[in-house]
Amino acid sequence: MEAWKESIELVTNIYSVLKSFPKEETFGLVMQIKRAVISIPSNIAEGCSRQTKPDTIHFLYIALGSLSETETQLIIAEKLGYCTFDDNISQKLSNVKNLILGTIRFLKK
């Protein structure tokens, strides 16, 4: 699934950005962002392994929530001066969101 592939790339991109965060954020914002971003492809994978469309859609919505959580945490990190929101990550977030929503729309038909 394309959304899963893109979200895996998003995880690796964000992990690279997190390396530059201050050490005092290791167990705060860094861990929170890691948990949220990892949840995106994990929930896509779990949803795709489900036997029914409603179950699949449910997990895709959870992935979408994790994506929104990731985006919010990155905005907070940027406002705190820990990173800048580069175009690559912004584009990946948007692509993954659109792919998930497109899949949900397809499954609801």
PDB file of N, CA and C in Angstrom:
ATOM      1  N   MET A   1       0.842  -1.172   0.000  1.00  0.00           N
ATOM      2  CA  MET A   1       0.000   0.000   0.000  1.00  0.00           C
ATOM      3  C   MET A   1       0.892   1.241   0.000  1.00  0.00           C
ATOM      4  N   GLU A   2       0.546   2.171  -0.854  1.00  0.00           N
ATOM      5  CA  GLU A   2       1.360   3.378  -1.027  1.00  0.00           C
ATOM      6  C   GLU A   2       1.429   4.227   0.253  1.00  0.00           C
ATOM      7  N   ALA A   3       0.326   4.333   0.978  1.00  0.00           N
ATOM      8  CA  ALA A   3       0.327   5.118   2.226  1.00  0.00           C
ATOM      9  C   ALA A   3       1.318   4.543   3.228  1.00  0.00           C
ATOM     10  N   TRP A   4       1.407   3.217   3.289  1.00  0.00           N
ATOM     11  CA  TRP A   4       2.341   2.572   4.204  1.00  0.00           C
ATOM     12  C   TRP A   4       3.777   2.890   3.804  1.00  0.00           C
ATOM     13  N   LYS A   5       4.091   2.770   2.505  1.00  0.00           N
ATOM     14  CA  LYS A   5       5.455   3.054   2.029  1.00  0.00           C
ATOM     15  C   LYS A   5       5.853   4.495   2.331  1.00  0.00           C
ATOM     16  N   GLU A   6       4.957   5.428   2.023  1.00  0.00           N
ATOM     17  CA  GLU A   6       5.251   6.844   2.277  1.00  0.00           C
ATOM     18  C   GLU A   6       5.419   7.118   3.775  1.00  0.00           C
ATOM     19  N   SER A   7       4.605   6.454   4.592  1.00  0.00           N
ATOM     20  CA  SER A   7       4.704   6.699   6.033  1.00  0.00           C
ATOM     21  C   SER A   7       5.992   6.128   6.620  1.00  0.00           C
ATOM     22  N   ILE A   8       6.496   5.050   6.042  1.00  0.00           N
ATOM     23  CA  ILE A   8       7.799   4.523   6.471  1.00  0.00           C
ATOM     24  C   ILE A   8       8.894   5.549   6.171  1.00  0.00           C
ATOM     25  N   GLU A   9       8.844   6.148   4.994  1.00  0.00           N
ATOM     26  CA  GLU A   9       9.816   7.200   4.654  1.00  0.00           C
ATOM     27  C   GLU A   9       9.680   8.387   5.596  1.00  0.00           C
ATOM     28  N   LEU A  10       8.441   8.731   5.945  1.00  0.00           N
ATOM     29  CA  LEU A  10       8.205   9.823   6.889  1.00  0.00           C
ATOM     30  C   LEU A  10       8.874   9.524   8.233  1.00  0.00           C
ATOM     31  N   VAL A  11       8.744   8.298   8.706  1.00  0.00           N
ATOM     32  CA  VAL A  11       9.369   7.907   9.972  1.00  0.00           C
ATOM     33  C   VAL A  11      10.873   8.133   9.917  1.00  0.00           C
ATOM     34  N   THR A  12      11.516   7.653   8.853  1.00  0.00           N
ATOM     35  CA  THR A  12      12.972   7.790   8.765  1.00  0.00           C
ATOM     36  C   THR A  12      13.385   9.256   8.655  1.00  0.00           C
ATOM     37  N   ASN A  13      12.608  10.056   7.929  1.00  0.00           N
ATOM     38  CA  ASN A  13      12.922  11.490   7.823  1.00  0.00           C
ATOM     39  C   ASN A  13      12.815  12.188   9.176  1.00  0.00           C
ATOM     40  N   ILE A  14      11.764  11.882   9.897  1.00  0.00           N
ATOM     41  CA  ILE A  14      11.560  12.534  11.193  1.00  0.00           C
ATOM     42  C   ILE A  14      12.598  12.066  12.210  1.00  0.00           C
ATOM     43  N   TYR A  15      12.941  10.799  12.193  1.00  0.00           N
ATOM     44  CA  TYR A  15      13.997  10.317  13.092  1.00  0.00           C
ATOM     45  C   TYR A  15      15.305  11.089  12.865  1.00  0.00           C
ATOM     46  N   SER A  16      15.609  11.391  11.619  1.00  0.00           N
ATOM     47  CA  SER A  16      16.823  12.167  11.316  1.00  0.00           C
ATOM     48  C   SER A  16      16.747  13.556  11.931  1.00  0.00           C
ATOM     49  N   VAL A  17      15.588  14.192  11.840  1.00  0.00           N
ATOM     50  CA  VAL A  17      15.406  15.531  12.414  1.00  0.00           C
ATOM     51  C   VAL A  17      15.535  15.484  13.929  1.00  0.00           C
ATOM     52  N   LEU A  18      15.016  14.442  14.541  1.00  0.00           N
ATOM     53  CA  LEU A  18      15.013  14.347  16.002  1.00  0.00           C
ATOM     54  C   LEU A  18      16.414  14.233  16.603  1.00  0.00           C
ATOM     55  N   LYS A  19      17.374  13.813  15.813  1.00  0.00           N
ATOM     56  CA  LYS A  19      18.749  13.697  16.305  1.00  0.00           C
ATOM     57  C   LYS A  19      19.317  15.046  16.751  1.00  0.00           C
ATOM     58  N   SER A  20      18.782  16.132  16.201  1.00  0.00           N
ATOM     59  CA  SER A  20      19.309  17.457  16.527  1.00  0.00           C
ATOM     60  C   SER A  20      18.607  18.104  17.724  1.00  0.00           C
ATOM     61  N   PHE A  21      17.622  17.435  18.304  1.00  0.00           N
ATOM     62  CA  PHE A  21      16.895  18.000  19.440  1.00  0.00           C
ATOM     63  C   PHE A  21      17.789  18.023  20.676  1.00  0.00           C
ATOM     64  N   PRO A  22      17.530  18.939  21.600  1.00  0.00           N
ATOM     65  CA  PRO A  22      18.323  18.991  22.839  1.00  0.00           C
ATOM     66  C   PRO A  22      18.162  17.702  23.650  1.00  0.00           C
ATOM     67  N   LYS A  23      19.218  17.337  24.347  1.00  0.00           N
ATOM     68  CA  LYS A  23      19.221  16.107  25.148  1.00  0.00           C
ATOM     69  C   LYS A  23      18.099  16.089  26.191  1.00  0.00           C
ATOM     70  N   GLU A  24      17.750  17.269  26.724  1.00  0.00           N
ATOM     71  CA  GLU A  24      16.706  17.293  27.759  1.00  0.00           C
ATOM     72  C   GLU A  24      15.326  16.928  27.210  1.00  0.00           C
ATOM     73  N   GLU A  25      15.180  16.892  25.898  1.00  0.00           N
ATOM     74  CA  GLU A  25      13.910  16.496  25.284  1.00  0.00           C
ATOM     75  C   GLU A  25      13.857  15.011  24.916  1.00  0.00           C
ATOM     76  N   THR A  26      14.930  14.275  25.193  1.00  0.00           N
ATOM     77  CA  THR A  26      14.994  12.861  24.809  1.00  0.00           C
ATOM     78  C   THR A  26      13.801  12.076  25.328  1.00  0.00           C
ATOM     79  N   PHE A  27      13.413  12.297  26.569  1.00  0.00           N
ATOM     80  CA  PHE A  27      12.311  11.539  27.156  1.00  0.00           C
ATOM     81  C   PHE A  27      11.014  12.343  27.191  1.00  0.00           C
ATOM     82  N   GLY A  28      11.001  13.474  26.516  1.00  0.00           N
ATOM     83  CA  GLY A  28       9.800  14.299  26.433  1.00  0.00           C
ATOM     84  C   GLY A  28       9.262  14.314  25.020  1.00  0.00           C
ATOM     85  N   LEU A  29       9.457  15.424  24.371  1.00  0.00           N
ATOM     86  CA  LEU A  29       8.909  15.629  23.036  1.00  0.00           C
ATOM     87  C   LEU A  29       9.455  14.639  22.011  1.00  0.00           C
ATOM     88  N   VAL A  30      10.729  14.294  22.109  1.00  0.00           N
ATOM     89  CA  VAL A  30      11.325  13.343  21.150  1.00  0.00           C
ATOM     90  C   VAL A  30      10.612  11.998  21.217  1.00  0.00           C
ATOM     91  N   MET A  31      10.422  11.469  22.412  1.00  0.00           N
ATOM     92  CA  MET A  31       9.747  10.173  22.549  1.00  0.00           C
ATOM     93  C   MET A  31       8.290  10.254  22.118  1.00  0.00           C
ATOM     94  N   GLN A  32       7.659  11.377  22.394  1.00  0.00           N
ATOM     95  CA  GLN A  32       6.256  11.559  22.004  1.00  0.00           C
ATOM     96  C   GLN A  32       6.118  11.577  20.481  1.00  0.00           C
ATOM     97  N   ILE A  33       7.027  12.271  19.808  1.00  0.00           N
ATOM     98  CA  ILE A  33       7.001  12.318  18.348  1.00  0.00           C
ATOM     99  C   ILE A  33       7.298  10.937  17.764  1.00  0.00           C
ATOM    100  N   LYS A  34       8.277  10.254  18.334  1.00  0.00           N
ATOM    101  CA  LYS A  34       8.613   8.912  17.844  1.00  0.00           C
ATOM    102  C   LYS A  34       7.418   7.975  17.960  1.00  0.00           C
ATOM    103  N   ARG A  35       6.744   7.997  19.103  1.00  0.00           N
ATOM    104  CA  ARG A  35       5.581   7.118  19.297  1.00  0.00           C
ATOM    105  C   ARG A  35       4.488   7.440  18.286  1.00  0.00           C
ATOM    106  N   ALA A  36       4.243   8.716  18.068  1.00  0.00           N
ATOM    107  CA  ALA A  36       3.174   9.126  17.150  1.00  0.00           C
ATOM    108  C   ALA A  36       3.504   8.752  15.708  1.00  0.00           C
ATOM    109  N   VAL A  37       4.727   9.036  15.275  1.00  0.00           N
ATOM    110  CA  VAL A  37       5.075   8.795  13.873  1.00  0.00           C
ATOM    111  C   VAL A  37       5.173   7.298  13.568  1.00  0.00           C
ATOM    112  N   ILE A  38       5.656   6.513  14.518  1.00  0.00           N
ATOM    113  CA  ILE A  38       5.724   5.064  14.321  1.00  0.00           C
ATOM    114  C   ILE A  38       4.322   4.457  14.259  1.00  0.00           C
ATOM    115  N   SER A  39       3.403   5.075  14.952  1.00  0.00           N
ATOM    116  CA  SER A  39       2.029   4.590  14.973  1.00  0.00           C
ATOM    117  C   SER A  39       1.357   4.683  13.598  1.00  0.00           C
ATOM    118  N   ILE A  40       1.807   5.590  12.761  1.00  0.00           N
ATOM    119  CA  ILE A  40       1.175   5.774  11.444  1.00  0.00           C
ATOM    120  C   ILE A  40       1.305   4.509  10.595  1.00  0.00           C
ATOM    121  N   PRO A  41       2.530   4.074  10.225  1.00  0.00           N
ATOM    122  CA  PRO A  41       2.612   2.859   9.397  1.00  0.00           C
ATOM    123  C   PRO A  41       2.155   1.606  10.149  1.00  0.00           C
ATOM    124  N   SER A  42       2.323   1.597  11.469  1.00  0.00           N
ATOM    125  CA  SER A  42       1.899   0.436  12.254  1.00  0.00           C
ATOM    126  C   SER A  42       0.394   0.227  12.160  1.00  0.00           C
ATOM    127  N   ASN A  43      -0.372   1.307  12.276  1.00  0.00           N
ATOM    128  CA  ASN A  43      -1.825   1.191  12.185  1.00  0.00           C
ATOM    129  C   ASN A  43      -2.299   0.932  10.763  1.00  0.00           C
ATOM    130  N   ILE A  44      -1.590   1.454   9.784  1.00  0.00           N
ATOM    131  CA  ILE A  44      -1.920   1.135   8.392  1.00  0.00           C
ATOM    132  C   ILE A  44      -1.737  -0.365   8.168  1.00  0.00           C
ATOM    133  N   ALA A  45      -0.615  -0.894   8.641  1.00  0.00           N
ATOM    134  CA  ALA A  45      -0.342  -2.326   8.479  1.00  0.00           C
ATOM    135  C   ALA A  45      -1.387  -3.169   9.207  1.00  0.00           C
ATOM    136  N   GLU A  46      -1.702  -2.782  10.431  1.00  0.00           N
ATOM    137  CA  GLU A  46      -2.698  -3.553  11.175  1.00  0.00           C
ATOM    138  C   GLU A  46      -4.056  -3.494  10.497  1.00  0.00           C
ATOM    139  N   GLY A  47      -4.432  -2.333  10.025  1.00  0.00           N
ATOM    140  CA  GLY A  47      -5.713  -2.197   9.332  1.00  0.00           C
ATOM    141  C   GLY A  47      -5.792  -3.037   8.080  1.00  0.00           C
ATOM    142  N   CYS A  48      -4.713  -3.071   7.333  1.00  0.00           N
ATOM    143  CA  CYS A  48      -4.702  -3.840   6.082  1.00  0.00           C
ATOM    144  C   CYS A  48      -4.729  -5.349   6.330  1.00  0.00           C
ATOM    145  N   SER A  49      -4.391  -5.762   7.531  1.00  0.00           N
ATOM    146  CA  SER A  49      -4.422  -7.192   7.835  1.00  0.00           C
ATOM    147  C   SER A  49      -5.784  -7.637   8.373  1.00  0.00           C
ATOM    148  N   ARG A  50      -6.683  -6.705   8.567  1.00  0.00           N
ATOM    149  CA  ARG A  50      -8.010  -7.029   9.092  1.00  0.00           C
ATOM    150  C   ARG A  50      -8.882  -7.660   8.016  1.00  0.00           C
ATOM    151  N   GLN A  51      -9.877  -8.389   8.459  1.00  0.00           N
ATOM    152  CA  GLN A  51     -10.714  -9.158   7.544  1.00  0.00           C
ATOM    153  C   GLN A  51     -11.895  -8.373   6.968  1.00  0.00           C
ATOM    154  N   THR A  52     -12.258  -7.266   7.598  1.00  0.00           N
ATOM    155  CA  THR A  52     -13.421  -6.527   7.124  1.00  0.00           C
ATOM    156  C   THR A  52     -13.053  -5.085   6.781  1.00  0.00           C
ATOM    157  N   LYS A  53     -13.800  -4.510   5.863  1.00  0.00           N
ATOM    158  CA  LYS A  53     -13.581  -3.106   5.501  1.00  0.00           C
ATOM    159  C   LYS A  53     -13.755  -2.168   6.689  1.00  0.00           C
ATOM    160  N   PRO A  54     -14.804  -2.344   7.498  1.00  0.00           N
ATOM    161  CA  PRO A  54     -14.938  -1.441   8.652  1.00  0.00           C
ATOM    162  C   PRO A  54     -13.734  -1.482   9.599  1.00  0.00           C
ATOM    163  N   ASP A  55     -13.175  -2.663   9.822  1.00  0.00           N
ATOM    164  CA  ASP A  55     -11.978  -2.765  10.665  1.00  0.00           C
ATOM    165  C   ASP A  55     -10.799  -2.041  10.020  1.00  0.00           C
ATOM    166  N   THR A  56     -10.622  -2.249   8.721  1.00  0.00           N
ATOM    167  CA  THR A  56      -9.527  -1.594   8.003  1.00  0.00           C
ATOM    168  C   THR A  56      -9.677  -0.083   8.090  1.00  0.00           C
ATOM    169  N   ILE A  57     -10.876   0.407   7.827  1.00  0.00           N
ATOM    170  CA  ILE A  57     -11.139   1.847   7.880  1.00  0.00           C
ATOM    171  C   ILE A  57     -10.873   2.392   9.278  1.00  0.00           C
ATOM    172  N   HIS A  58     -11.278   1.656  10.305  1.00  0.00           N
ATOM    173  CA  HIS A  58     -11.052   2.077  11.691  1.00  0.00           C
ATOM    174  C   HIS A  58      -9.557   2.329  11.947  1.00  0.00           C
ATOM    175  N   PHE A  59      -8.714   1.389  11.542  1.00  0.00           N
ATOM    176  CA  PHE A  59      -7.277   1.541  11.781  1.00  0.00           C
ATOM    177  C   PHE A  59      -6.661   2.631  10.907  1.00  0.00           C
ATOM    178  N   LEU A  60      -7.215   2.848   9.731  1.00  0.00           N
ATOM    179  CA  LEU A  60      -6.736   3.953   8.887  1.00  0.00           C
ATOM    180  C   LEU A  60      -7.053   5.299   9.542  1.00  0.00           C
ATOM    181  N   TYR A  61      -8.206   5.385  10.186  1.00  0.00           N
ATOM    182  CA  TYR A  61      -8.529   6.608  10.925  1.00  0.00           C
ATOM    183  C   TYR A  61      -7.600   6.796  12.120  1.00  0.00           C
ATOM    184  N   ILE A  62      -7.229   5.719  12.781  1.00  0.00           N
ATOM    185  CA  ILE A  62      -6.260   5.824  13.877  1.00  0.00           C
ATOM    186  C   ILE A  62      -4.922   6.327  13.342  1.00  0.00           C
ATOM    187  N   ALA A  63      -4.495   5.803  12.182  1.00  0.00           N
ATOM    188  CA  ALA A  63      -3.249   6.265  11.555  1.00  0.00           C
ATOM    189  C   ALA A  63      -3.340   7.750  11.230  1.00  0.00           C
ATOM    190  N   LEU A  64      -4.496   8.181  10.753  1.00  0.00           N
ATOM    191  CA  LEU A  64      -4.713   9.594  10.439  1.00  0.00           C
ATOM    192  C   LEU A  64      -4.606  10.454  11.700  1.00  0.00           C
ATOM    193  N   GLY A  65      -5.136   9.955  12.801  1.00  0.00           N
ATOM    194  CA  GLY A  65      -5.010  10.670  14.078  1.00  0.00           C
ATOM    195  C   GLY A  65      -3.562  10.779  14.525  1.00  0.00           C
ATOM    196  N   SER A  66      -2.808   9.703  14.344  1.00  0.00           N
ATOM    197  CA  SER A  66      -1.385   9.730  14.702  1.00  0.00           C
ATOM    198  C   SER A  66      -0.615  10.702  13.811  1.00  0.00           C
ATOM    199  N   LEU A  67      -1.014  10.798  12.568  1.00  0.00           N
ATOM    200  CA  LEU A  67      -0.377  11.749  11.658  1.00  0.00           C
ATOM    201  C   LEU A  67      -0.633  13.181  12.132  1.00  0.00           C
ATOM    202  N   SER A  68      -1.865  13.471  12.530  1.00  0.00           N
ATOM    203  CA  SER A  68      -2.195  14.805  13.043  1.00  0.00           C
ATOM    204  C   SER A  68      -1.435  15.100  14.331  1.00  0.00           C
ATOM    205  N   GLU A  69      -1.302  14.085  15.180  1.00  0.00           N
ATOM    206  CA  GLU A  69      -0.537  14.235  16.416  1.00  0.00           C
ATOM    207  C   GLU A  69       0.930  14.542  16.106  1.00  0.00           C
ATOM    208  N   THR A  70       1.497  13.824  15.152  1.00  0.00           N
ATOM    209  CA  THR A  70       2.886  14.051  14.745  1.00  0.00           C
ATOM    210  C   THR A  70       3.069  15.475  14.236  1.00  0.00           C
ATOM    211  N   GLU A  71       2.165  15.889  13.375  1.00  0.00           N
ATOM    212  CA  GLU A  71       2.253  17.241  12.805  1.00  0.00           C
ATOM    213  C   GLU A  71       2.174  18.303  13.900  1.00  0.00           C
ATOM    214  N   THR A  72       1.265  18.121  14.844  1.00  0.00           N
ATOM    215  CA  THR A  72       1.113  19.070  15.945  1.00  0.00           C
ATOM    216  C   THR A  72       2.386  19.138  16.791  1.00  0.00           C
ATOM    217  N   GLN A  73       2.961  17.992  17.088  1.00  0.00           N
ATOM    218  CA  GLN A  73       4.174  17.960  17.901  1.00  0.00           C
ATOM    219  C   GLN A  73       5.352  18.593  17.179  1.00  0.00           C
ATOM    220  N   LEU A  74       5.422  18.421  15.866  1.00  0.00           N
ATOM    221  CA  LEU A  74       6.484  19.064  15.095  1.00  0.00           C
ATOM    222  C   LEU A  74       6.312  20.584  15.068  1.00  0.00           C
ATOM    223  N   ILE A  75       5.074  21.038  15.026  1.00  0.00           N
ATOM    224  CA  ILE A  75       4.810  22.487  15.083  1.00  0.00           C
ATOM    225  C   ILE A  75       5.258  23.035  16.435  1.00  0.00           C
ATOM    226  N   ILE A  76       4.948  22.304  17.500  1.00  0.00           N
ATOM    227  CA  ILE A  76       5.388  22.716  18.840  1.00  0.00           C
ATOM    228  C   ILE A  76       6.915  22.758  18.905  1.00  0.00           C
ATOM    229  N   ALA A  77       7.565  21.718  18.373  1.00  0.00           N
ATOM    230  CA  ALA A  77       9.031  21.667  18.378  1.00  0.00           C
ATOM    231  C   ALA A  77       9.626  22.839  17.596  1.00  0.00           C
ATOM    232  N   GLU A  78       9.002  23.174  16.496  1.00  0.00           N
ATOM    233  CA  GLU A  78       9.486  24.314  15.702  1.00  0.00           C
ATOM    234  C   GLU A  78       9.332  25.619  16.478  1.00  0.00           C
ATOM    235  N   LYS A  79       8.195  25.798  17.133  1.00  0.00           N
ATOM    236  CA  LYS A  79       7.964  27.019  17.919  1.00  0.00           C
ATOM    237  C   LYS A  79       8.930  27.128  19.102  1.00  0.00           C
ATOM    238  N   LEU A  80       9.376  25.967  19.599  1.00  0.00           N
ATOM    239  CA  LEU A  80      10.360  25.965  20.682  1.00  0.00           C
ATOM    240  C   LEU A  80      11.788  26.142  20.170  1.00  0.00           C
ATOM    241  N   GLY A  81      11.945  26.171  18.850  1.00  0.00           N
ATOM    242  CA  GLY A  81      13.259  26.380  18.255  1.00  0.00           C
ATOM    243  C   GLY A  81      14.102  25.131  18.124  1.00  0.00           C
ATOM    244  N   TYR A  82      13.497  23.958  18.256  1.00  0.00           N
ATOM    245  CA  TYR A  82      14.241  22.704  18.176  1.00  0.00           C
ATOM    246  C   TYR A  82      14.490  22.240  16.743  1.00  0.00           C
ATOM    247  N   CYS A  83      13.677  22.700  15.817  1.00  0.00           N
ATOM    248  CA  CYS A  83      13.824  22.286  14.422  1.00  0.00           C
ATOM    249  C   CYS A  83      13.080  23.268  13.544  1.00  0.00           C
ATOM    250  N   THR A  84      13.270  23.112  12.258  1.00  0.00           N
ATOM    251  CA  THR A  84      12.463  23.848  11.296  1.00  0.00           C
ATOM    252  C   THR A  84      11.701  22.826  10.466  1.00  0.00           C
ATOM    253  N   PHE A  85      10.509  23.181  10.131  1.00  0.00           N
ATOM    254  CA  PHE A  85       9.625  22.330   9.362  1.00  0.00           C
ATOM    255  C   PHE A  85      10.082  22.392   7.908  1.00  0.00           C
ATOM    256  N   ASP A  86      10.890  21.423   7.466  1.00  0.00           N
ATOM    257  CA  ASP A  86      11.374  21.499   6.095  1.00  0.00           C
ATOM    258  C   ASP A  86      10.312  21.016   5.110  1.00  0.00           C
ATOM    259  N   ASP A  87      10.466  21.441   3.857  1.00  0.00           N
ATOM    260  CA  ASP A  87       9.468  21.142   2.829  1.00  0.00           C
ATOM    261  C   ASP A  87       9.298  19.646   2.598  1.00  0.00           C
ATOM    262  N   ASN A  88      10.373  18.883   2.732  1.00  0.00           N
ATOM    263  CA  ASN A  88      10.295  17.443   2.516  1.00  0.00           C
ATOM    264  C   ASN A  88       9.349  16.785   3.520  1.00  0.00           C
ATOM    265  N   ILE A  89       9.474  17.140   4.782  1.00  0.00           N
ATOM    266  CA  ILE A  89       8.611  16.560   5.805  1.00  0.00           C
ATOM    267  C   ILE A  89       7.184  17.066   5.639  1.00  0.00           C
ATOM    268  N   SER A  90       7.024  18.337   5.366  1.00  0.00           N
ATOM    269  CA  SER A  90       5.679  18.878   5.140  1.00  0.00           C
ATOM    270  C   SER A  90       4.997  18.170   3.979  1.00  0.00           C
ATOM    271  N   GLN A  91       5.743  17.939   2.912  1.00  0.00           N
ATOM    272  CA  GLN A  91       5.197  17.254   1.744  1.00  0.00           C
ATOM    273  C   GLN A  91       4.843  15.805   2.065  1.00  0.00           C
ATOM    274  N   LYS A  92       5.708  15.130   2.816  1.00  0.00           N
ATOM    275  CA  LYS A  92       5.445  13.744   3.208  1.00  0.00           C
ATOM    276  C   LYS A  92       4.186  13.656   4.072  1.00  0.00           C
ATOM    277  N   LEU A  93       4.051  14.559   5.038  1.00  0.00           N
ATOM    278  CA  LEU A  93       2.862  14.567   5.887  1.00  0.00           C
ATOM    279  C   LEU A  93       1.603  14.726   5.038  1.00  0.00           C
ATOM    280  N   SER A  94       1.650  15.653   4.107  1.00  0.00           N
ATOM    281  CA  SER A  94       0.514  15.897   3.225  1.00  0.00           C
ATOM    282  C   SER A  94       0.225  14.694   2.331  1.00  0.00           C
ATOM    283  N   ASN A  95       1.270  14.101   1.774  1.00  0.00           N
ATOM    284  CA  ASN A  95       1.093  12.930   0.900  1.00  0.00           C
ATOM    285  C   ASN A  95       0.472  11.760   1.646  1.00  0.00           C
ATOM    286  N   VAL A  96       1.005  11.476   2.839  1.00  0.00           N
ATOM    287  CA  VAL A  96       0.491  10.355   3.622  1.00  0.00           C
ATOM    288  C   VAL A  96      -0.978  10.607   3.972  1.00  0.00           C
ATOM    289  N   LYS A  97      -1.292  11.824   4.390  1.00  0.00           N
ATOM    290  CA  LYS A  97      -2.676  12.164   4.728  1.00  0.00           C
ATOM    291  C   LYS A  97      -3.599  11.928   3.532  1.00  0.00           C
ATOM    292  N   ASN A  98      -3.207  12.423   2.368  1.00  0.00           N
ATOM    293  CA  ASN A  98      -4.025  12.267   1.168  1.00  0.00           C
ATOM    294  C   ASN A  98      -4.172  10.806   0.762  1.00  0.00           C
ATOM    295  N   LEU A  99      -3.108  10.037   0.904  1.00  0.00           N
ATOM    296  CA  LEU A  99      -3.168   8.617   0.559  1.00  0.00           C
ATOM    297  C   LEU A  99      -4.088   7.847   1.503  1.00  0.00           C
ATOM    298  N   ILE A 100      -4.018   8.156   2.782  1.00  0.00           N
ATOM    299  CA  ILE A 100      -4.900   7.493   3.754  1.00  0.00           C
ATOM    300  C   ILE A 100      -6.351   7.864   3.463  1.00  0.00           C
ATOM    301  N   LEU A 101      -6.605   9.153   3.280  1.00  0.00           N
ATOM    302  CA  LEU A 101      -7.981   9.589   3.001  1.00  0.00           C
ATOM    303  C   LEU A 101      -8.507   8.983   1.705  1.00  0.00           C
ATOM    304  N   GLY A 102      -7.652   8.902   0.697  1.00  0.00           N
ATOM    305  CA  GLY A 102      -8.055   8.285  -0.566  1.00  0.00           C
ATOM    306  C   GLY A 102      -8.407   6.819  -0.391  1.00  0.00           C
ATOM    307  N   THR A 103      -7.637   6.119   0.414  1.00  0.00           N
ATOM    308  CA  THR A 103      -7.916   4.714   0.693  1.00  0.00           C
ATOM    309  C   THR A 103      -9.228   4.548   1.450  1.00  0.00           C
ATOM    310  N   ILE A 104      -9.457   5.418   2.417  1.00  0.00           N
ATOM    311  CA  ILE A 104     -10.712   5.360   3.168  1.00  0.00           C
ATOM    312  C   ILE A 104     -11.897   5.601   2.224  1.00  0.00           C
ATOM    313  N   ARG A 105     -11.781   6.606   1.378  1.00  0.00           N
ATOM    314  CA  ARG A 105     -12.868   6.884   0.424  1.00  0.00           C
ATOM    315  C   ARG A 105     -13.113   5.695  -0.487  1.00  0.00           C
ATOM    316  N   PHE A 106     -12.044   5.069  -0.956  1.00  0.00           N
ATOM    317  CA  PHE A 106     -12.160   3.893  -1.833  1.00  0.00           C
ATOM    318  C   PHE A 106     -12.870   2.747  -1.108  1.00  0.00           C
ATOM    319  N   LEU A 107     -12.472   2.502   0.139  1.00  0.00           N
ATOM    320  CA  LEU A 107     -13.052   1.391   0.902  1.00  0.00           C
ATOM    321  C   LEU A 107     -14.512   1.630   1.273  1.00  0.00           C
ATOM    322  N   LYS A 108     -14.909   2.897   1.385  1.00  0.00           N
ATOM    323  CA  LYS A 108     -16.297   3.216   1.749  1.00  0.00           C
ATOM    324  C   LYS A 108     -17.265   3.057   0.579  1.00  0.00           C
ATOM    325  N   LYS A 109     -16.760   2.896  -0.621  1.00  0.00           N
ATOM    326  CA  LYS A 109     -17.647   2.754  -1.795  1.00  0.00           C
ATOM    327  C   LYS A 109     -18.393   1.455  -1.769  1.00  0.00           C
TER     328      LYS A 109
END
